[in-house]
N, C-alpha and C. Protein backbone atom coordinates (compact mmCIF):
# COMPACT_ATOMS: atom_id res chain seq x y z
N MET A 1 14.57 10.41 23.73
CA MET A 1 15.05 11.09 22.51
C MET A 1 13.93 11.08 21.47
N ASP A 2 13.00 12.00 21.61
CA ASP A 2 11.85 12.03 20.71
C ASP A 2 12.12 12.82 19.44
N LEU A 3 13.17 13.63 19.44
CA LEU A 3 13.43 14.46 18.27
C LEU A 3 14.47 13.79 17.38
N ALA A 4 14.17 13.70 16.09
CA ALA A 4 15.11 13.12 15.13
C ALA A 4 14.80 13.70 13.77
N PRO A 5 15.81 13.89 12.94
CA PRO A 5 15.55 14.37 11.58
C PRO A 5 14.85 13.30 10.76
N LEU A 6 13.92 13.72 9.93
CA LEU A 6 13.24 12.79 9.04
C LEU A 6 14.19 12.34 7.93
N LYS A 7 14.40 11.05 7.81
CA LYS A 7 15.26 10.52 6.76
C LYS A 7 14.52 9.60 5.80
N PHE A 8 13.46 8.93 6.28
CA PHE A 8 12.75 7.97 5.45
C PHE A 8 11.24 8.17 5.59
N LEU A 9 10.60 8.26 4.45
CA LEU A 9 9.15 8.30 4.38
C LEU A 9 8.68 6.95 3.85
N PHE A 10 7.97 6.20 4.70
CA PHE A 10 7.38 4.93 4.29
C PHE A 10 5.91 5.19 3.94
N LEU A 11 5.47 4.62 2.82
CA LEU A 11 4.11 4.86 2.35
C LEU A 11 3.42 3.56 1.95
N ASP A 12 2.17 3.43 2.34
CA ASP A 12 1.28 2.47 1.71
C ASP A 12 0.95 2.99 0.31
N ILE A 13 0.46 2.12 -0.57
CA ILE A 13 0.08 2.56 -1.92
C ILE A 13 -1.43 2.57 -2.09
N GLY A 14 -2.08 1.42 -1.90
CA GLY A 14 -3.53 1.36 -2.05
C GLY A 14 -4.24 2.12 -0.96
N GLY A 15 -5.11 3.04 -1.34
CA GLY A 15 -5.82 3.87 -0.37
C GLY A 15 -5.10 5.14 -0.02
N VAL A 16 -3.85 5.29 -0.50
CA VAL A 16 -3.07 6.50 -0.25
C VAL A 16 -2.74 7.19 -1.57
N LEU A 17 -2.06 6.47 -2.45
CA LEU A 17 -1.71 7.03 -3.76
C LEU A 17 -2.66 6.56 -4.86
N LEU A 18 -3.05 5.29 -4.76
CA LEU A 18 -3.93 4.68 -5.76
C LEU A 18 -5.13 4.06 -5.05
N THR A 19 -6.16 3.73 -5.82
CA THR A 19 -7.23 2.91 -5.28
C THR A 19 -6.68 1.55 -4.91
N ASN A 20 -7.39 0.80 -4.10
CA ASN A 20 -6.95 -0.55 -3.77
C ASN A 20 -6.94 -1.42 -5.02
N GLY A 21 -5.96 -2.32 -5.08
CA GLY A 21 -5.80 -3.13 -6.28
C GLY A 21 -6.95 -4.10 -6.53
N TRP A 22 -7.48 -4.71 -5.46
CA TRP A 22 -8.56 -5.69 -5.63
C TRP A 22 -9.37 -5.74 -4.35
N GLY A 23 -9.89 -4.58 -3.96
CA GLY A 23 -10.68 -4.46 -2.74
C GLY A 23 -12.11 -4.94 -2.95
N HIS A 24 -12.89 -4.87 -1.87
CA HIS A 24 -14.26 -5.42 -1.94
C HIS A 24 -15.13 -4.67 -2.94
N GLU A 25 -14.91 -3.37 -3.11
CA GLU A 25 -15.72 -2.64 -4.08
C GLU A 25 -15.44 -3.12 -5.50
N SER A 26 -14.17 -3.38 -5.80
CA SER A 26 -13.80 -3.90 -7.12
C SER A 26 -14.37 -5.29 -7.34
N ARG A 27 -14.37 -6.11 -6.30
CA ARG A 27 -14.90 -7.47 -6.43
C ARG A 27 -16.41 -7.45 -6.63
N GLN A 28 -17.08 -6.54 -5.93
CA GLN A 28 -18.52 -6.40 -6.13
C GLN A 28 -18.84 -5.93 -7.54
N ALA A 29 -18.02 -5.00 -8.04
CA ALA A 29 -18.21 -4.53 -9.42
C ALA A 29 -17.99 -5.66 -10.40
N ALA A 30 -17.01 -6.51 -10.14
CA ALA A 30 -16.74 -7.65 -11.02
C ALA A 30 -17.92 -8.62 -11.03
N ALA A 31 -18.50 -8.88 -9.86
CA ALA A 31 -19.66 -9.78 -9.79
C ALA A 31 -20.82 -9.24 -10.61
N SER A 32 -21.03 -7.92 -10.54
CA SER A 32 -22.09 -7.30 -11.32
C SER A 32 -21.79 -7.34 -12.82
N GLU A 33 -20.54 -7.04 -13.18
CA GLU A 33 -20.14 -7.00 -14.59
C GLU A 33 -20.19 -8.36 -15.24
N PHE A 34 -19.74 -9.40 -14.52
CA PHE A 34 -19.60 -10.72 -15.14
C PHE A 34 -20.70 -11.69 -14.72
N GLY A 35 -21.56 -11.29 -13.80
CA GLY A 35 -22.75 -12.08 -13.49
C GLY A 35 -22.49 -13.34 -12.68
N PHE A 36 -21.67 -13.24 -11.63
CA PHE A 36 -21.50 -14.40 -10.74
C PHE A 36 -21.87 -14.00 -9.32
N ASP A 37 -21.99 -14.98 -8.44
CA ASP A 37 -22.43 -14.76 -7.06
C ASP A 37 -21.29 -14.17 -6.24
N TYR A 38 -21.48 -12.94 -5.76
CA TYR A 38 -20.41 -12.27 -5.03
C TYR A 38 -20.12 -12.95 -3.70
N ALA A 39 -21.15 -13.33 -2.96
CA ALA A 39 -20.94 -13.93 -1.64
C ALA A 39 -20.15 -15.23 -1.75
N GLU A 40 -20.47 -16.04 -2.73
CA GLU A 40 -19.75 -17.30 -2.94
C GLU A 40 -18.28 -17.02 -3.29
N MET A 41 -18.08 -16.08 -4.18
CA MET A 41 -16.72 -15.72 -4.58
C MET A 41 -15.94 -15.16 -3.40
N ASP A 42 -16.59 -14.36 -2.54
CA ASP A 42 -15.88 -13.68 -1.47
C ASP A 42 -15.39 -14.66 -0.41
N VAL A 43 -16.12 -15.73 -0.17
CA VAL A 43 -15.66 -16.75 0.76
C VAL A 43 -14.36 -17.36 0.26
N LEU A 44 -14.32 -17.70 -1.02
CA LEU A 44 -13.11 -18.29 -1.60
C LEU A 44 -11.97 -17.27 -1.61
N HIS A 45 -12.31 -16.02 -1.90
CA HIS A 45 -11.30 -14.95 -1.88
C HIS A 45 -10.63 -14.85 -0.52
N ASP A 46 -11.42 -14.91 0.55
CA ASP A 46 -10.86 -14.79 1.89
C ASP A 46 -9.90 -15.93 2.20
N PHE A 47 -10.16 -17.11 1.66
CA PHE A 47 -9.25 -18.23 1.86
C PHE A 47 -7.94 -18.06 1.10
N MET A 48 -7.99 -17.45 -0.09
CA MET A 48 -6.86 -17.51 -1.01
C MET A 48 -6.04 -16.23 -1.13
N PHE A 49 -6.63 -15.08 -0.83
CA PHE A 49 -5.97 -13.84 -1.22
C PHE A 49 -4.71 -13.56 -0.41
N ASN A 50 -4.72 -13.88 0.87
CA ASN A 50 -3.50 -13.67 1.65
C ASN A 50 -2.35 -14.49 1.09
N THR A 51 -2.64 -15.71 0.66
CA THR A 51 -1.61 -16.57 0.06
C THR A 51 -1.08 -15.96 -1.22
N TYR A 52 -1.97 -15.36 -2.00
CA TYR A 52 -1.54 -14.67 -3.22
C TYR A 52 -0.68 -13.45 -2.87
N GLU A 53 -1.08 -12.69 -1.86
CA GLU A 53 -0.37 -11.46 -1.54
C GLU A 53 1.04 -11.70 -1.01
N ILE A 54 1.30 -12.87 -0.42
CA ILE A 54 2.66 -13.14 0.05
C ILE A 54 3.47 -13.92 -0.98
N GLY A 55 2.95 -14.01 -2.21
CA GLY A 55 3.73 -14.55 -3.31
C GLY A 55 3.80 -16.07 -3.38
N ARG A 56 2.93 -16.76 -2.66
CA ARG A 56 2.97 -18.23 -2.67
C ARG A 56 2.25 -18.83 -3.87
N ILE A 57 1.32 -18.09 -4.44
CA ILE A 57 0.62 -18.55 -5.64
C ILE A 57 0.57 -17.40 -6.65
N THR A 58 0.34 -17.75 -7.90
CA THR A 58 0.24 -16.75 -8.96
C THR A 58 -1.20 -16.23 -9.05
N LEU A 59 -1.38 -15.19 -9.83
CA LEU A 59 -2.72 -14.67 -10.06
C LEU A 59 -3.59 -15.73 -10.73
N ASP A 60 -3.04 -16.47 -11.67
CA ASP A 60 -3.82 -17.52 -12.34
C ASP A 60 -4.26 -18.59 -11.35
N GLU A 61 -3.38 -18.94 -10.42
CA GLU A 61 -3.75 -19.95 -9.42
C GLU A 61 -4.82 -19.42 -8.48
N TYR A 62 -4.74 -18.14 -8.13
CA TYR A 62 -5.81 -17.53 -7.34
C TYR A 62 -7.13 -17.58 -8.10
N LEU A 63 -7.10 -17.22 -9.36
CA LEU A 63 -8.33 -17.21 -10.17
C LEU A 63 -8.88 -18.61 -10.40
N ASP A 64 -8.00 -19.61 -10.50
CA ASP A 64 -8.46 -20.99 -10.67
C ASP A 64 -9.39 -21.40 -9.54
N THR A 65 -9.07 -20.97 -8.33
CA THR A 65 -9.87 -21.35 -7.16
C THR A 65 -11.06 -20.43 -6.95
N VAL A 66 -10.87 -19.15 -7.16
CA VAL A 66 -11.88 -18.16 -6.75
C VAL A 66 -12.91 -17.90 -7.84
N ILE A 67 -12.50 -17.89 -9.09
CA ILE A 67 -13.40 -17.54 -10.20
C ILE A 67 -13.62 -18.72 -11.15
N PHE A 68 -12.55 -19.31 -11.63
CA PHE A 68 -12.66 -20.33 -12.67
C PHE A 68 -12.66 -21.74 -12.09
N ASN A 69 -13.38 -21.89 -10.98
CA ASN A 69 -13.61 -23.20 -10.38
C ASN A 69 -14.83 -23.89 -10.98
N GLN A 70 -15.44 -23.24 -11.97
CA GLN A 70 -16.58 -23.77 -12.70
C GLN A 70 -16.61 -23.09 -14.07
N PRO A 71 -17.33 -23.64 -15.03
CA PRO A 71 -17.37 -23.02 -16.37
C PRO A 71 -17.94 -21.60 -16.29
N ARG A 72 -17.33 -20.71 -17.05
CA ARG A 72 -17.78 -19.31 -17.08
C ARG A 72 -18.04 -18.90 -18.53
N GLU A 73 -18.88 -17.90 -18.68
CA GLU A 73 -19.20 -17.40 -20.02
C GLU A 73 -18.25 -16.28 -20.43
N PHE A 74 -17.25 -16.00 -19.62
CA PHE A 74 -16.27 -14.97 -19.93
C PHE A 74 -14.88 -15.59 -19.86
N THR A 75 -13.94 -14.92 -20.47
CA THR A 75 -12.58 -15.47 -20.55
C THR A 75 -11.72 -14.98 -19.38
N ARG A 76 -10.68 -15.71 -19.12
CA ARG A 76 -9.71 -15.32 -18.12
C ARG A 76 -9.06 -13.98 -18.48
N GLU A 77 -8.77 -13.78 -19.76
CA GLU A 77 -8.13 -12.55 -20.21
C GLU A 77 -9.03 -11.34 -19.96
N ASP A 78 -10.34 -11.49 -20.25
CA ASP A 78 -11.26 -10.39 -20.01
C ASP A 78 -11.37 -10.07 -18.52
N PHE A 79 -11.36 -11.13 -17.70
CA PHE A 79 -11.48 -10.90 -16.27
C PHE A 79 -10.23 -10.21 -15.72
N LYS A 80 -9.07 -10.64 -16.16
CA LYS A 80 -7.84 -10.00 -15.72
C LYS A 80 -7.79 -8.53 -16.14
N ALA A 81 -8.23 -8.26 -17.36
CA ALA A 81 -8.23 -6.88 -17.84
C ALA A 81 -9.13 -6.02 -16.95
N PHE A 82 -10.27 -6.58 -16.51
CA PHE A 82 -11.16 -5.85 -15.61
C PHE A 82 -10.47 -5.60 -14.27
N MET A 83 -9.79 -6.62 -13.75
CA MET A 83 -9.09 -6.48 -12.47
C MET A 83 -8.08 -5.33 -12.54
N PHE A 84 -7.25 -5.34 -13.56
CA PHE A 84 -6.21 -4.32 -13.68
C PHE A 84 -6.81 -2.93 -13.84
N ALA A 85 -7.94 -2.86 -14.56
CA ALA A 85 -8.56 -1.56 -14.82
C ALA A 85 -9.14 -0.91 -13.57
N GLN A 86 -9.29 -1.67 -12.49
CA GLN A 86 -9.82 -1.09 -11.25
C GLN A 86 -8.83 -0.15 -10.57
N SER A 87 -7.55 -0.28 -10.93
CA SER A 87 -6.53 0.58 -10.33
C SER A 87 -6.59 1.97 -10.94
N GLN A 88 -6.80 2.96 -10.10
CA GLN A 88 -6.85 4.35 -10.54
C GLN A 88 -6.03 5.20 -9.58
N GLU A 89 -5.46 6.28 -10.10
CA GLU A 89 -4.72 7.20 -9.25
C GLU A 89 -5.69 8.04 -8.43
N LEU A 90 -5.44 8.15 -7.14
CA LEU A 90 -6.23 9.05 -6.31
C LEU A 90 -5.77 10.50 -6.54
N PRO A 91 -6.63 11.47 -6.31
CA PRO A 91 -6.29 12.86 -6.67
C PRO A 91 -5.11 13.42 -5.89
N ASN A 92 -4.21 14.07 -6.60
CA ASN A 92 -3.23 15.04 -6.09
C ASN A 92 -1.97 14.49 -5.42
N LEU A 93 -2.07 13.48 -4.57
CA LEU A 93 -0.93 13.19 -3.70
C LEU A 93 0.29 12.67 -4.45
N LEU A 94 0.12 11.78 -5.39
CA LEU A 94 1.26 11.21 -6.10
C LEU A 94 2.06 12.31 -6.81
N SER A 95 1.39 13.14 -7.56
CA SER A 95 2.09 14.20 -8.30
C SER A 95 2.73 15.20 -7.34
N TRP A 96 2.03 15.51 -6.24
CA TRP A 96 2.61 16.45 -5.26
C TRP A 96 3.85 15.87 -4.61
N LEU A 97 3.82 14.59 -4.25
CA LEU A 97 4.96 13.96 -3.59
C LEU A 97 6.18 13.88 -4.51
N ILE A 98 5.95 13.67 -5.78
CA ILE A 98 7.08 13.64 -6.73
C ILE A 98 7.82 14.97 -6.70
N GLU A 99 7.08 16.08 -6.66
CA GLU A 99 7.71 17.40 -6.59
C GLU A 99 8.31 17.64 -5.20
N TRP A 100 7.62 17.22 -4.16
CA TRP A 100 8.12 17.38 -2.79
C TRP A 100 9.45 16.67 -2.62
N LYS A 101 9.56 15.48 -3.22
CA LYS A 101 10.81 14.72 -3.12
C LYS A 101 11.97 15.48 -3.77
N LYS A 102 11.73 16.13 -4.88
CA LYS A 102 12.78 16.90 -5.55
C LYS A 102 13.29 18.03 -4.66
N GLU A 103 12.42 18.58 -3.84
CA GLU A 103 12.80 19.67 -2.95
C GLU A 103 13.45 19.17 -1.66
N ASN A 104 13.38 17.86 -1.42
CA ASN A 104 13.91 17.27 -0.18
C ASN A 104 14.77 16.06 -0.50
N PRO A 105 15.86 16.25 -1.26
CA PRO A 105 16.64 15.10 -1.74
C PRO A 105 17.23 14.21 -0.66
N PRO A 106 17.48 14.69 0.57
CA PRO A 106 18.02 13.75 1.56
C PRO A 106 17.01 12.70 2.01
N ILE A 107 15.72 12.93 1.78
CA ILE A 107 14.69 12.03 2.27
C ILE A 107 14.44 10.94 1.23
N ARG A 108 14.50 9.69 1.68
CA ARG A 108 14.23 8.54 0.82
C ARG A 108 12.79 8.08 1.05
N ILE A 109 12.13 7.66 -0.03
CA ILE A 109 10.73 7.24 0.05
C ILE A 109 10.64 5.77 -0.34
N ILE A 110 10.05 4.98 0.54
CA ILE A 110 9.97 3.53 0.36
C ILE A 110 8.53 3.09 0.57
N SER A 111 8.03 2.23 -0.32
CA SER A 111 6.68 1.70 -0.14
C SER A 111 6.72 0.48 0.78
N ILE A 112 5.68 0.34 1.58
CA ILE A 112 5.43 -0.88 2.33
C ILE A 112 3.98 -1.25 2.03
N ASN A 113 3.78 -2.24 1.16
CA ASN A 113 2.42 -2.51 0.71
C ASN A 113 2.14 -4.00 0.59
N ASN A 114 0.87 -4.34 0.83
CA ASN A 114 0.37 -5.69 0.61
C ASN A 114 -0.16 -5.77 -0.82
N GLU A 115 0.45 -6.61 -1.63
CA GLU A 115 0.02 -6.68 -3.03
C GLU A 115 0.49 -7.99 -3.66
N GLY A 116 -0.38 -8.61 -4.43
CA GLY A 116 0.03 -9.77 -5.23
C GLY A 116 0.94 -9.33 -6.37
N ARG A 117 1.80 -10.26 -6.83
CA ARG A 117 2.88 -9.88 -7.74
C ARG A 117 2.39 -9.25 -9.04
N GLU A 118 1.43 -9.86 -9.70
CA GLU A 118 1.01 -9.34 -11.00
C GLU A 118 0.35 -7.98 -10.87
N LEU A 119 -0.47 -7.81 -9.85
CA LEU A 119 -1.09 -6.50 -9.62
C LEU A 119 -0.04 -5.47 -9.23
N ASN A 120 0.90 -5.87 -8.40
CA ASN A 120 1.95 -4.96 -7.95
C ASN A 120 2.78 -4.47 -9.14
N GLU A 121 3.21 -5.40 -9.99
CA GLU A 121 4.03 -5.02 -11.14
C GLU A 121 3.25 -4.13 -12.10
N TYR A 122 1.97 -4.45 -12.31
CA TYR A 122 1.14 -3.62 -13.20
C TYR A 122 1.03 -2.20 -12.67
N ARG A 123 0.78 -2.05 -11.38
CA ARG A 123 0.55 -0.74 -10.81
C ARG A 123 1.83 0.09 -10.80
N ILE A 124 2.96 -0.54 -10.51
CA ILE A 124 4.23 0.19 -10.54
C ILE A 124 4.51 0.73 -11.94
N LYS A 125 4.29 -0.11 -12.95
CA LYS A 125 4.56 0.31 -14.33
C LYS A 125 3.51 1.30 -14.84
N LYS A 126 2.24 1.01 -14.60
CA LYS A 126 1.16 1.84 -15.11
C LYS A 126 1.25 3.27 -14.60
N PHE A 127 1.53 3.42 -13.32
CA PHE A 127 1.53 4.75 -12.71
C PHE A 127 2.95 5.30 -12.49
N LYS A 128 3.93 4.60 -13.07
CA LYS A 128 5.33 5.05 -13.05
C LYS A 128 5.78 5.40 -11.64
N LEU A 129 5.56 4.45 -10.74
CA LEU A 129 5.83 4.71 -9.32
C LEU A 129 7.32 4.81 -9.02
N HIS A 130 8.18 4.37 -9.96
CA HIS A 130 9.62 4.56 -9.76
C HIS A 130 9.99 6.05 -9.72
N ARG A 131 9.12 6.91 -10.22
CA ARG A 131 9.38 8.35 -10.13
C ARG A 131 9.40 8.82 -8.68
N LEU A 132 8.70 8.09 -7.84
CA LEU A 132 8.57 8.49 -6.44
C LEU A 132 9.41 7.62 -5.51
N PHE A 133 9.34 6.31 -5.67
CA PHE A 133 9.90 5.41 -4.67
C PHE A 133 11.35 5.05 -4.98
N ASP A 134 12.14 4.99 -3.92
CA ASP A 134 13.52 4.52 -4.00
C ASP A 134 13.59 3.01 -3.84
N ALA A 135 12.60 2.41 -3.23
CA ALA A 135 12.54 0.96 -3.05
C ALA A 135 11.10 0.55 -2.77
N PHE A 136 10.81 -0.72 -3.04
CA PHE A 136 9.47 -1.27 -2.83
C PHE A 136 9.58 -2.47 -1.89
N ILE A 137 8.94 -2.38 -0.74
CA ILE A 137 8.83 -3.52 0.16
C ILE A 137 7.42 -4.06 -0.02
N SER A 138 7.26 -4.96 -0.97
CA SER A 138 5.95 -5.49 -1.34
C SER A 138 5.78 -6.89 -0.76
N SER A 139 4.62 -7.17 -0.22
CA SER A 139 4.39 -8.46 0.45
C SER A 139 4.69 -9.64 -0.46
N CYS A 140 4.38 -9.51 -1.74
CA CYS A 140 4.59 -10.62 -2.67
C CYS A 140 6.06 -10.95 -2.86
N GLU A 141 6.94 -10.00 -2.60
CA GLU A 141 8.38 -10.21 -2.79
C GLU A 141 9.08 -10.63 -1.50
N VAL A 142 8.53 -10.25 -0.36
CA VAL A 142 9.23 -10.52 0.91
C VAL A 142 8.56 -11.61 1.73
N GLY A 143 7.40 -12.13 1.27
CA GLY A 143 6.75 -13.24 1.96
C GLY A 143 6.13 -12.89 3.29
N MET A 144 5.90 -11.62 3.53
CA MET A 144 5.22 -11.14 4.74
C MET A 144 4.24 -10.06 4.32
N ARG A 145 3.20 -9.92 5.11
CA ARG A 145 2.24 -8.87 4.81
C ARG A 145 1.87 -8.14 6.09
N LYS A 146 1.56 -6.86 5.95
CA LYS A 146 1.10 -6.09 7.09
C LYS A 146 -0.18 -6.73 7.64
N PRO A 147 -0.37 -6.80 8.95
CA PRO A 147 0.34 -6.09 10.02
C PRO A 147 1.53 -6.83 10.64
N ASP A 148 2.05 -7.86 9.99
CA ASP A 148 3.22 -8.56 10.51
C ASP A 148 4.33 -7.54 10.81
N PRO A 149 4.79 -7.44 12.05
CA PRO A 149 5.84 -6.46 12.35
C PRO A 149 7.13 -6.71 11.58
N GLY A 150 7.31 -7.95 11.11
CA GLY A 150 8.53 -8.27 10.37
C GLY A 150 8.70 -7.46 9.11
N ILE A 151 7.59 -7.08 8.46
CA ILE A 151 7.72 -6.32 7.20
C ILE A 151 8.20 -4.90 7.48
N PHE A 152 7.81 -4.34 8.61
CA PHE A 152 8.30 -3.01 8.99
C PHE A 152 9.76 -3.08 9.42
N ARG A 153 10.12 -4.14 10.15
CA ARG A 153 11.52 -4.31 10.55
C ARG A 153 12.41 -4.51 9.33
N LEU A 154 11.91 -5.25 8.34
CA LEU A 154 12.67 -5.44 7.12
C LEU A 154 12.89 -4.12 6.40
N ALA A 155 11.85 -3.29 6.32
CA ALA A 155 11.98 -1.99 5.67
C ALA A 155 13.03 -1.13 6.36
N MET A 156 13.03 -1.13 7.69
CA MET A 156 14.02 -0.35 8.41
C MET A 156 15.42 -0.94 8.24
N GLY A 157 15.51 -2.26 8.17
CA GLY A 157 16.80 -2.89 7.95
C GLY A 157 17.38 -2.55 6.59
N ILE A 158 16.54 -2.60 5.57
CA ILE A 158 16.99 -2.23 4.22
C ILE A 158 17.40 -0.76 4.18
N ALA A 159 16.63 0.08 4.87
CA ALA A 159 16.94 1.52 4.90
C ALA A 159 18.11 1.84 5.83
N GLN A 160 18.47 0.88 6.71
CA GLN A 160 19.46 1.14 7.75
C GLN A 160 19.07 2.38 8.55
N ALA A 161 17.83 2.33 9.03
CA ALA A 161 17.25 3.48 9.73
C ALA A 161 16.73 3.06 11.09
N ARG A 162 16.79 3.98 12.04
CA ARG A 162 16.15 3.79 13.33
C ARG A 162 14.68 4.20 13.23
N PRO A 163 13.83 3.61 14.05
CA PRO A 163 12.40 3.95 13.96
C PRO A 163 12.12 5.44 14.04
N GLU A 164 12.87 6.16 14.91
CA GLU A 164 12.61 7.59 15.09
C GLU A 164 13.02 8.43 13.90
N GLN A 165 13.70 7.83 12.91
CA GLN A 165 14.08 8.55 11.69
C GLN A 165 13.04 8.37 10.58
N CYS A 166 11.98 7.65 10.88
CA CYS A 166 11.01 7.27 9.84
C CYS A 166 9.62 7.78 10.18
N ILE A 167 8.86 8.05 9.15
CA ILE A 167 7.43 8.32 9.30
C ILE A 167 6.70 7.46 8.28
N TYR A 168 5.53 6.96 8.67
CA TYR A 168 4.78 6.03 7.83
C TYR A 168 3.34 6.50 7.72
N PHE A 169 2.80 6.46 6.50
CA PHE A 169 1.39 6.80 6.25
C PHE A 169 0.66 5.58 5.70
N ASP A 170 -0.48 5.30 6.28
CA ASP A 170 -1.36 4.23 5.80
C ASP A 170 -2.79 4.70 6.02
N ASP A 171 -3.69 4.25 5.16
CA ASP A 171 -5.08 4.66 5.31
C ASP A 171 -5.83 3.84 6.35
N ARG A 172 -5.25 2.72 6.80
CA ARG A 172 -5.94 1.84 7.75
C ARG A 172 -5.35 2.02 9.14
N SER A 173 -6.22 2.33 10.10
CA SER A 173 -5.75 2.64 11.44
C SER A 173 -5.05 1.45 12.10
N MET A 174 -5.50 0.22 11.81
CA MET A 174 -4.87 -0.95 12.40
C MET A 174 -3.41 -1.07 11.95
N LEU A 175 -3.13 -0.75 10.71
CA LEU A 175 -1.77 -0.85 10.19
C LEU A 175 -0.91 0.31 10.68
N VAL A 176 -1.53 1.46 10.87
CA VAL A 176 -0.82 2.58 11.51
C VAL A 176 -0.35 2.17 12.89
N GLU A 177 -1.24 1.54 13.66
CA GLU A 177 -0.91 1.14 15.01
C GLU A 177 0.18 0.06 15.02
N ALA A 178 0.16 -0.85 14.04
CA ALA A 178 1.19 -1.89 13.97
C ALA A 178 2.58 -1.28 13.79
N ALA A 179 2.68 -0.25 12.96
CA ALA A 179 3.96 0.44 12.77
C ALA A 179 4.34 1.24 14.00
N ARG A 180 3.36 1.87 14.61
CA ARG A 180 3.61 2.73 15.77
C ARG A 180 4.16 1.92 16.95
N LYS A 181 3.73 0.68 17.08
CA LYS A 181 4.20 -0.18 18.18
C LYS A 181 5.71 -0.44 18.08
N LEU A 182 6.28 -0.29 16.89
CA LEU A 182 7.71 -0.50 16.69
C LEU A 182 8.50 0.79 16.88
N GLY A 183 7.82 1.88 17.21
CA GLY A 183 8.51 3.15 17.41
C GLY A 183 8.53 4.04 16.18
N ILE A 184 7.95 3.58 15.08
CA ILE A 184 7.86 4.40 13.87
C ILE A 184 6.78 5.46 14.09
N LYS A 185 7.02 6.66 13.61
CA LYS A 185 6.02 7.71 13.69
C LYS A 185 5.00 7.48 12.58
N ALA A 186 3.92 6.82 12.93
CA ALA A 186 2.94 6.38 11.95
C ALA A 186 1.70 7.26 12.01
N MET A 187 1.20 7.63 10.84
CA MET A 187 0.07 8.54 10.73
C MET A 187 -0.99 7.93 9.81
N GLN A 188 -2.24 8.15 10.15
CA GLN A 188 -3.31 7.69 9.28
C GLN A 188 -3.56 8.72 8.18
N HIS A 189 -3.45 8.25 6.93
CA HIS A 189 -3.76 9.11 5.78
C HIS A 189 -5.27 9.14 5.61
N LYS A 190 -5.81 10.36 5.63
CA LYS A 190 -7.25 10.51 5.43
C LYS A 190 -7.57 11.27 4.15
N ASP A 191 -6.73 12.23 3.82
CA ASP A 191 -6.94 12.98 2.58
C ASP A 191 -5.65 13.69 2.21
N PHE A 192 -5.62 14.21 1.01
CA PHE A 192 -4.43 14.87 0.49
C PHE A 192 -3.99 16.04 1.35
N GLU A 193 -4.91 16.92 1.70
CA GLU A 193 -4.54 18.15 2.38
C GLU A 193 -3.92 17.89 3.75
N SER A 194 -4.46 16.95 4.52
CA SER A 194 -3.92 16.71 5.86
C SER A 194 -2.53 16.08 5.79
N THR A 195 -2.33 15.14 4.87
CA THR A 195 -1.01 14.53 4.71
C THR A 195 0.00 15.56 4.20
N LYS A 196 -0.41 16.37 3.25
CA LYS A 196 0.46 17.43 2.74
C LYS A 196 0.88 18.38 3.86
N THR A 197 -0.06 18.76 4.73
CA THR A 197 0.24 19.68 5.82
C THR A 197 1.30 19.09 6.75
N ILE A 198 1.17 17.82 7.10
CA ILE A 198 2.14 17.17 7.98
C ILE A 198 3.52 17.16 7.34
N LEU A 199 3.60 16.78 6.08
CA LEU A 199 4.90 16.67 5.42
C LEU A 199 5.55 18.04 5.22
N GLU A 200 4.77 19.04 4.92
CA GLU A 200 5.34 20.38 4.77
C GLU A 200 5.92 20.89 6.09
N LYS A 201 5.29 20.54 7.21
CA LYS A 201 5.81 20.97 8.51
C LYS A 201 7.07 20.22 8.89
N LEU A 202 7.22 19.01 8.39
CA LEU A 202 8.35 18.17 8.78
C LEU A 202 9.63 18.45 8.02
N LYS A 203 9.55 19.02 6.84
CA LYS A 203 10.74 19.05 5.99
C LYS A 203 11.86 19.94 6.54
N ASP A 204 11.50 20.92 7.37
CA ASP A 204 12.53 21.84 7.88
C ASP A 204 12.74 21.74 9.38
N GLU A 205 12.15 20.73 10.02
CA GLU A 205 12.28 20.64 11.46
C GLU A 205 12.31 19.18 11.89
N PRO A 206 12.86 18.89 13.07
CA PRO A 206 12.88 17.50 13.56
C PRO A 206 11.47 16.98 13.81
N ILE A 207 11.36 15.66 13.86
CA ILE A 207 10.09 15.02 14.16
C ILE A 207 9.91 14.94 15.67
N ASN A 208 8.79 15.38 16.16
CA ASN A 208 8.46 15.21 17.58
C ASN A 208 7.43 14.09 17.68
N LEU A 209 7.86 12.99 18.27
CA LEU A 209 7.03 11.79 18.32
C LEU A 209 5.70 12.04 19.02
N HIS A 210 5.74 12.64 20.20
CA HIS A 210 4.50 12.82 20.96
C HIS A 210 3.55 13.79 20.26
N GLU A 211 4.10 14.84 19.70
CA GLU A 211 3.26 15.83 19.01
C GLU A 211 2.58 15.21 17.81
N LEU A 212 3.35 14.45 17.00
CA LEU A 212 2.77 13.85 15.80
C LEU A 212 1.71 12.82 16.16
N ASN A 213 2.03 11.95 17.11
CA ASN A 213 1.08 10.92 17.47
C ASN A 213 -0.17 11.51 18.09
N GLY A 214 -0.03 12.67 18.69
CA GLY A 214 -1.21 13.35 19.20
C GLY A 214 -2.09 13.90 18.11
N ARG A 215 -1.51 14.07 16.89
CA ARG A 215 -2.26 14.56 15.75
C ARG A 215 -2.56 13.43 14.77
N GLY A 216 -2.55 12.20 15.26
CA GLY A 216 -2.62 11.05 14.37
C GLY A 216 -3.85 10.98 13.50
N ASN A 217 -4.91 11.71 13.84
CA ASN A 217 -6.13 11.65 13.05
C ASN A 217 -6.35 12.92 12.24
N LEU A 218 -5.27 13.65 11.96
CA LEU A 218 -5.41 14.85 11.13
C LEU A 218 -6.09 14.52 9.80
């Protein structure tokens, strides 16, 4: 049974709608801006960031270990402001999806994203993501992070949806594959036009699993 009507659109946020909240490019920019050793910071980041993303520690606790483990010539407030300012909207897709959703009211849109709580809350409010999403499955709130299959199962459980009723977009191929292994029709987001083309084709016709997965690199 490969054909099913689309009922739920699952979306990653960082790399799809917005820039990543605290990716390596942002961390490198911070090292340059504030004058600390990036390599040293990145080792500590790798130890701590997953724990932050699943909500076990606060942003301040993450910063205590990764940045403010020694005296600094800059303040915590200035550093946090820099972190938050790295979040920017990527071109076109967010505004287009808000209008697309209005034209397709039966379809529910749910985020599945890895994000620490303070960054997650800032980005939802700053970019008014409630205009698009009906629910947020954020790692910091559910204690799991992608590629853990449990976070995808939780999203489907909350949606009360079967895998074949869902499509998922993520910019990372490994996470696309993690969702696909559960039977979700998962697609790699590469740019606005290719994702828009897929969604426009889906709104009036059933999803064909084999056809879509064959176009997974559109």
